[in-house]
Protein backbone atom coordinates (compact mmCIF):
# COMPACT_ATOMS: atom_id res chain seq x y z
CA MET A 1 22.39 -25.83 15.29
CA ALA A 2 22.03 -23.25 18.09
CA ASP A 3 18.97 -25.12 19.34
CA VAL A 4 20.85 -28.48 19.40
CA PHE A 5 23.92 -27.04 21.01
CA GLY A 6 21.72 -25.60 23.53
CA ALA A 7 20.12 -28.84 24.45
CA LEU A 8 23.49 -30.24 24.96
CA VAL A 9 24.68 -27.59 27.18
CA PRO A 10 23.44 -29.18 30.62
CA THR A 11 25.50 -32.30 29.55
CA PHE A 12 28.52 -30.42 28.85
CA ILE A 13 28.21 -28.21 32.18
CA LEU A 14 28.09 -31.44 34.04
CA ILE A 15 31.33 -32.59 32.42
CA THR A 16 32.90 -29.31 32.96
CA LEU A 17 31.66 -29.37 36.80
CA GLY A 18 33.48 -32.71 37.14
CA TYR A 19 36.74 -31.28 35.95
CA ILE A 20 36.62 -28.01 38.12
CA VAL A 21 35.69 -30.27 41.30
CA ARG A 22 38.87 -32.24 40.53
CA ALA A 23 41.06 -29.24 39.66
CA ALA A 24 39.98 -27.41 42.91
CA ARG A 25 40.91 -30.66 44.76
CA ILE A 26 37.35 -30.67 46.29
CA ALA A 27 37.82 -34.39 45.24
CA THR A 28 41.05 -35.91 44.01
CA ALA A 29 41.60 -37.88 40.99
CA GLU A 30 42.01 -41.04 43.07
CA GLN A 31 38.60 -40.29 44.85
CA PHE A 32 36.94 -39.73 41.53
CA GLY A 33 38.52 -43.10 40.42
CA MET A 34 36.85 -44.83 43.09
CA VAL A 35 33.50 -43.13 42.46
CA ASN A 36 33.69 -44.30 38.64
CA ARG A 37 34.50 -47.64 39.98
CA PHE A 38 31.50 -47.64 42.25
CA GLY A 39 29.53 -46.37 39.26
CA TYR A 40 30.82 -49.08 36.91
CA PHE A 41 29.93 -51.94 39.30
CA VAL A 42 26.66 -50.60 40.95
CA LEU A 43 25.18 -47.44 39.51
CA TYR A 44 25.65 -48.15 35.83
CA PRO A 45 24.32 -51.67 35.93
CA ALA A 46 21.31 -50.49 37.86
CA PHE A 47 20.59 -47.85 35.33
CA LEU A 48 21.07 -50.22 32.40
CA PHE A 49 18.89 -52.97 33.86
CA THR A 50 16.01 -50.54 34.56
CA LEU A 51 16.11 -48.82 31.20
CA VAL A 52 16.44 -52.04 29.09
CA SER A 53 13.99 -54.00 31.05
CA GLY A 54 11.38 -51.45 30.42
CA ALA A 55 12.05 -50.71 26.76
CA ASN A 56 9.62 -51.47 24.21
CA PHE A 57 11.12 -53.58 21.49
CA ALA A 58 7.83 -54.37 19.82
CA GLY A 59 7.06 -50.68 19.07
CA ALA A 60 6.48 -49.30 15.60
CA GLY A 61 9.75 -48.59 13.75
CA ALA A 62 11.87 -50.36 16.56
CA LEU A 63 13.29 -52.91 14.31
CA PRO A 64 14.58 -50.50 11.44
CA PHE A 65 15.97 -48.38 14.11
CA LEU A 66 17.80 -51.10 15.82
CA GLY A 67 19.01 -52.56 12.60
CA GLY A 68 20.53 -49.19 11.58
CA VAL A 69 22.32 -48.78 14.91
CA MET A 70 23.57 -52.14 15.29
CA GLY A 71 24.54 -52.37 11.43
CA GLY A 72 26.25 -49.09 11.72
CA PHE A 73 28.26 -50.12 14.83
CA LEU A 74 29.23 -53.61 13.75
CA THR A 75 30.63 -52.11 10.46
CA LEU A 76 32.61 -49.62 12.74
CA VAL A 77 33.91 -52.76 14.80
CA LEU A 78 35.14 -54.33 11.61
CA ALA A 79 36.99 -51.20 10.60
CA ALA A 80 38.43 -50.96 14.07
CA LEU A 81 39.70 -54.50 13.77
CA VAL A 82 41.49 -53.65 10.58
CA LEU A 83 43.40 -51.14 12.63
CA ARG A 84 45.27 -54.06 14.36
CA LEU A 85 47.20 -54.09 11.02
CA VAL A 86 48.35 -50.55 11.55
CA PHE A 87 49.00 -50.53 15.27
CA GLY A 88 50.29 -54.10 15.42
CA GLY A 89 53.25 -53.48 17.48
CA ASP A 90 51.61 -52.73 20.89
CA GLY A 91 48.77 -54.91 21.85
CA PRO A 92 47.52 -52.96 24.81
CA ALA A 93 47.65 -49.65 22.97
CA TYR A 94 45.60 -51.17 20.15
CA THR A 95 42.97 -52.37 22.73
CA SER A 96 42.62 -48.79 23.75
CA VAL A 97 42.27 -47.53 20.14
CA PHE A 98 39.63 -50.07 19.42
CA GLN A 99 37.80 -49.19 22.75
CA GLY A 100 38.08 -45.45 21.89
CA SER A 101 36.56 -46.12 18.44
CA VAL A 102 33.67 -48.29 19.11
CA ARG A 103 32.57 -47.40 22.74
CA TRP A 104 29.75 -44.70 22.96
CA ASN A 105 28.70 -42.55 26.17
CA GLY A 106 24.96 -42.88 25.96
CA PHE A 107 24.63 -40.61 29.02
CA ALA A 108 25.98 -37.70 27.08
CA LEU A 109 23.01 -38.05 24.62
CA LEU A 110 20.28 -39.42 26.87
CA ALA A 111 20.69 -36.22 29.21
CA ALA A 112 19.63 -34.10 26.26
CA ALA A 113 17.24 -36.69 24.65
CA THR A 114 13.82 -35.10 25.37
CA ALA A 115 14.97 -31.60 24.55
CA LEU A 116 16.57 -32.82 21.31
CA PHE A 117 14.09 -35.44 20.21
CA GLY A 118 11.01 -35.42 22.43
CA PRO A 119 9.70 -38.45 24.50
CA GLU A 120 9.91 -40.72 21.51
CA GLY A 121 13.67 -39.95 21.19
CA GLN A 122 14.23 -41.04 24.64
CA GLN A 123 12.44 -44.16 24.26
CA LEU A 124 14.38 -44.97 20.95
CA ILE A 125 17.69 -44.31 22.97
CA GLY A 126 16.49 -46.71 25.71
CA LEU A 127 15.90 -49.50 22.89
CA ALA A 128 19.32 -48.95 21.58
CA PHE A 129 21.21 -49.25 25.11
CA GLY A 130 20.58 -53.11 25.71
CA PRO A 131 21.66 -54.82 22.38
CA LEU A 132 24.32 -52.09 21.68
CA VAL A 133 26.02 -52.06 25.18
CA LEU A 134 25.70 -55.97 25.52
CA THR A 135 27.29 -56.59 22.09
CA LEU A 136 30.02 -53.85 22.28
CA ASN A 137 31.13 -54.91 25.91
CA ILE A 138 31.34 -58.44 24.85
CA ILE A 139 33.36 -57.59 21.75
CA CYS A 140 35.71 -55.12 23.95
CA VAL A 141 36.19 -57.85 26.48
CA VAL A 142 37.35 -60.25 23.93
CA VAL A 143 39.68 -57.77 22.18
CA LEU A 144 41.23 -56.92 25.66
CA ALA A 145 41.41 -60.83 26.44
CA ARG A 146 43.17 -61.43 23.29
CA TRP A 147 45.63 -58.47 22.97
CA GLY A 148 45.72 -56.63 26.49
CA ALA A 149 48.79 -57.37 28.89
CA ALA A 150 46.73 -59.61 30.94
CA ARG A 151 46.10 -61.82 27.97
CA ALA A 152 43.62 -64.69 28.49
CA THR A 153 45.07 -68.10 27.99
CA SER A 154 42.04 -70.17 27.00
CA MET A 155 38.28 -69.65 25.79
CA ARG A 156 37.28 -70.48 29.33
CA ALA A 157 39.21 -67.49 30.55
CA VAL A 158 37.53 -65.17 28.19
CA LEU A 159 34.14 -66.38 29.05
CA ASP A 160 35.06 -65.72 32.76
CA GLN A 161 35.78 -62.19 31.95
CA ILE A 162 32.59 -61.82 29.97
CA ILE A 163 30.47 -63.27 32.85
CA ALA A 164 32.07 -61.06 35.46
CA ASN A 165 31.40 -57.85 33.53
CA PRO A 166 28.76 -55.88 35.37
CA LEU A 167 27.38 -54.02 32.29
CA ILE A 168 27.21 -57.15 30.37
CA LEU A 169 25.19 -58.93 33.03
CA ALA A 170 22.98 -56.12 33.60
CA CYS A 171 22.01 -55.77 29.89
CA ALA A 172 21.63 -59.42 29.67
CA ALA A 173 19.30 -59.48 32.58
CA GLY A 174 17.37 -56.46 31.32
CA ILE A 175 16.85 -58.20 28.02
CA VAL A 176 15.69 -61.50 29.54
CA THR A 177 13.23 -59.90 32.15
CA ASN A 178 11.88 -57.77 29.11
CA LEU A 179 11.23 -60.81 26.79
CA LEU A 180 9.62 -62.66 29.86
CA GLY A 181 7.19 -59.66 30.48
CA VAL A 182 8.51 -58.93 33.81
CA ARG A 183 7.96 -55.36 34.34
CA ASP A 184 7.84 -55.00 38.09
CA LEU A 185 9.99 -56.54 40.87
CA GLY A 186 8.41 -54.62 43.45
CA TYR A 187 10.69 -52.99 46.02
CA VAL A 188 13.63 -54.19 44.05
CA SER A 189 12.60 -52.14 40.90
CA ASP A 190 12.22 -49.19 43.19
CA ALA A 191 15.67 -49.46 44.63
CA LEU A 192 17.26 -50.04 41.26
CA GLN A 193 15.52 -47.00 39.87
CA LEU A 194 16.76 -44.90 42.50
CA LEU A 195 20.25 -46.16 41.90
CA GLY A 196 19.90 -45.55 38.16
CA GLN A 197 18.87 -42.10 38.59
CA ALA A 198 22.23 -41.27 40.17
CA ALA A 199 24.19 -42.91 37.31
CA MET A 200 23.75 -40.22 34.82
CA PRO A 201 25.07 -37.11 36.77
CA VAL A 202 27.81 -39.35 38.30
CA ALA A 203 28.85 -40.68 35.05
CA LEU A 204 29.20 -37.28 33.30
CA MET A 205 30.95 -35.67 36.16
CA CYS A 206 33.31 -38.78 36.35
CA VAL A 207 34.05 -38.06 32.70
CA GLY A 208 35.07 -34.40 33.42
CA ALA A 209 37.04 -35.28 36.27
CA GLY A 210 38.98 -37.88 34.19
CA LEU A 211 39.98 -35.45 31.47
CA ASP A 212 43.70 -35.81 31.32
CA PHE A 213 45.45 -33.12 29.09
CA GLY A 214 48.73 -34.38 29.79
CA ALA A 215 48.08 -37.78 28.34
CA LEU A 216 47.08 -35.96 25.00
CA ARG A 217 50.74 -35.11 24.25
CA ALA A 218 51.65 -38.95 24.11
CA SER A 219 50.56 -41.20 21.23
CA LEU A 220 49.04 -38.29 19.10
CA PRO A 221 48.32 -40.62 15.83
CA LYS A 222 46.58 -43.12 18.06
CA VAL A 223 44.48 -40.55 19.76
CA ALA A 224 43.61 -38.96 16.47
CA THR A 225 42.83 -42.21 14.81
CA ALA A 226 40.18 -43.17 17.38
CA SER A 227 38.85 -39.74 17.68
CA VAL A 228 38.09 -39.66 13.81
CA MET A 229 36.58 -43.23 14.06
CA ARG A 230 34.47 -42.28 17.08
CA LEU A 231 33.28 -38.89 16.08
CA VAL A 232 33.19 -38.77 12.19
CA LEU A 233 33.19 -42.59 10.85
CA ALA A 234 30.58 -43.67 13.30
CA PRO A 235 27.97 -41.29 12.80
CA THR A 236 28.39 -41.60 9.06
CA LEU A 237 28.10 -45.61 9.17
CA VAL A 238 24.88 -45.33 11.35
CA TRP A 239 23.42 -42.94 8.97
CA GLY A 240 24.05 -45.10 6.04
CA ALA A 241 22.74 -48.09 7.88
CA CYS A 242 19.53 -46.35 8.92
CA ILE A 243 18.95 -45.21 5.37
CA LEU A 244 19.30 -48.92 4.25
CA THR A 245 17.07 -50.29 6.89
CA GLY A 246 14.32 -47.52 6.19
CA ALA A 247 14.39 -45.84 9.72
CA THR A 248 12.24 -42.88 10.17
CA PRO A 249 13.72 -39.47 9.95
CA LEU A 250 13.53 -39.10 13.84
CA ALA A 251 14.81 -42.55 14.42
CA THR A 252 17.72 -41.85 11.97
CA ALA A 253 18.63 -38.65 13.83
CA VAL A 254 18.47 -40.34 17.30
CA ALA A 255 20.90 -43.04 15.69
CA VAL A 256 23.27 -40.42 14.26
CA GLY A 257 23.12 -38.77 17.93
CA ILE A 258 24.18 -42.07 19.50
CA GLY A 259 26.81 -42.50 16.76
CA SER A 260 28.24 -39.12 17.54
CA THR A 261 28.76 -39.43 21.27
CA PRO A 262 32.27 -39.29 22.85
CA THR A 263 34.01 -42.38 24.11
CA ALA A 264 32.49 -43.94 27.29
CA ALA A 265 34.67 -43.46 30.40
CA ALA A 266 33.98 -47.09 31.13
CA GLY A 267 36.53 -47.95 28.73
CA TYR A 268 39.18 -46.66 31.12
CA THR A 269 37.91 -48.93 33.82
CA LEU A 270 37.96 -51.77 31.69
CA ALA A 271 41.50 -51.12 30.27
CA ARG A 272 42.86 -50.91 34.01
CA GLU A 273 41.01 -54.12 34.85
CA MET A 274 42.04 -56.19 31.89
CA GLY A 275 45.50 -54.85 30.92
CA GLY A 276 44.76 -52.21 28.19
CA ASP A 277 46.82 -49.01 27.95
CA ALA A 278 44.97 -46.90 30.49
CA GLN A 279 46.88 -43.83 29.86
CA LEU A 280 46.04 -43.89 26.11
CA MET A 281 42.55 -44.65 26.97
CA ALA A 282 42.39 -41.53 29.24
CA ALA A 283 43.83 -39.31 26.41
CA ILE A 284 41.29 -40.75 23.77
CA ILE A 285 38.46 -40.04 26.25
CA THR A 286 39.68 -36.75 26.92
CA ALA A 287 40.16 -35.91 23.19
CA THR A 288 36.77 -37.27 22.20
CA THR A 289 34.81 -35.59 24.98
CA LEU A 290 36.40 -32.21 24.13
CA LEU A 291 35.80 -32.42 20.46
CA SER A 292 32.29 -33.88 20.86
CA PHE A 293 31.38 -30.39 22.01
CA ILE A 294 31.66 -29.35 18.51
CA THR A 295 31.03 -32.63 16.47
CA MET A 296 28.04 -33.76 18.30
CA PRO A 297 25.78 -30.68 17.74
CA ILE A 298 26.99 -30.41 14.07
CA ALA A 299 26.03 -34.34 13.44
CA ILE A 300 22.68 -34.11 14.97
CA SER A 301 21.90 -30.78 13.17
CA LEU A 302 22.90 -32.24 9.88
CA VAL A 303 20.26 -35.01 10.15
CA LEU A 304 17.50 -33.10 12.08
CA HIS A 305 17.23 -30.32 9.52
């Protein structure tokens, strides 16, 4: 387990550095918010498009791996939808519990992928990004459109939200170009790759800068529920799905690593954009990020050894 934790240390350092930079007021929370928004609309889409368009979906073992990851997360989505019966009184709060349960921070794992799993592990994570980010973002947009404060009034309004989401567009474009065999867009590919390289450190530091310990005092049952769903149930469901699909031990370990990541900070941006409970979203991101310092190494170690 010490080796796994050691591989994840650089990720945690960047998250901590983001918190220190904000706490020292080198950059304010508002400034970090604008940086995160810039990342959401520019850097992260560039990263996703570059990663997804270059992924090898026809590789050996790709199908069982993707089946395990998608099967586990879709089961998690169903469990998160059932929570609507528990937190039925407050729609915006429920959307944040939902997002906190199903969204995953791929950057937290990808930064340590080679050290943990070798080059093949990094390639497998790249495979998961496209289908998983695309699917979960569409589902989260639909949930926010249905139960958020800025509730959509028609199916057309929901589709407009989906079409306007930069992460969805980037994943869809990456999958299409991948299927068409377009691997090189010349100077455009070079520019997108440069943008994508900035995405990971920016995303991790923005997570640290967004840690809100004050928000943890409010809505503790909701924060605890989302944390258990995200950090305990998700890796368990993904592990079970990988066993059922016959994924290799390495692919199963990578899938469990994906399942064990904390809630993605992009959930906060979407909550603000679509009328979710942004403060609760910040609390869930804070809790899952802090707890993942312990739970991620444990989950990955249990499967690797």
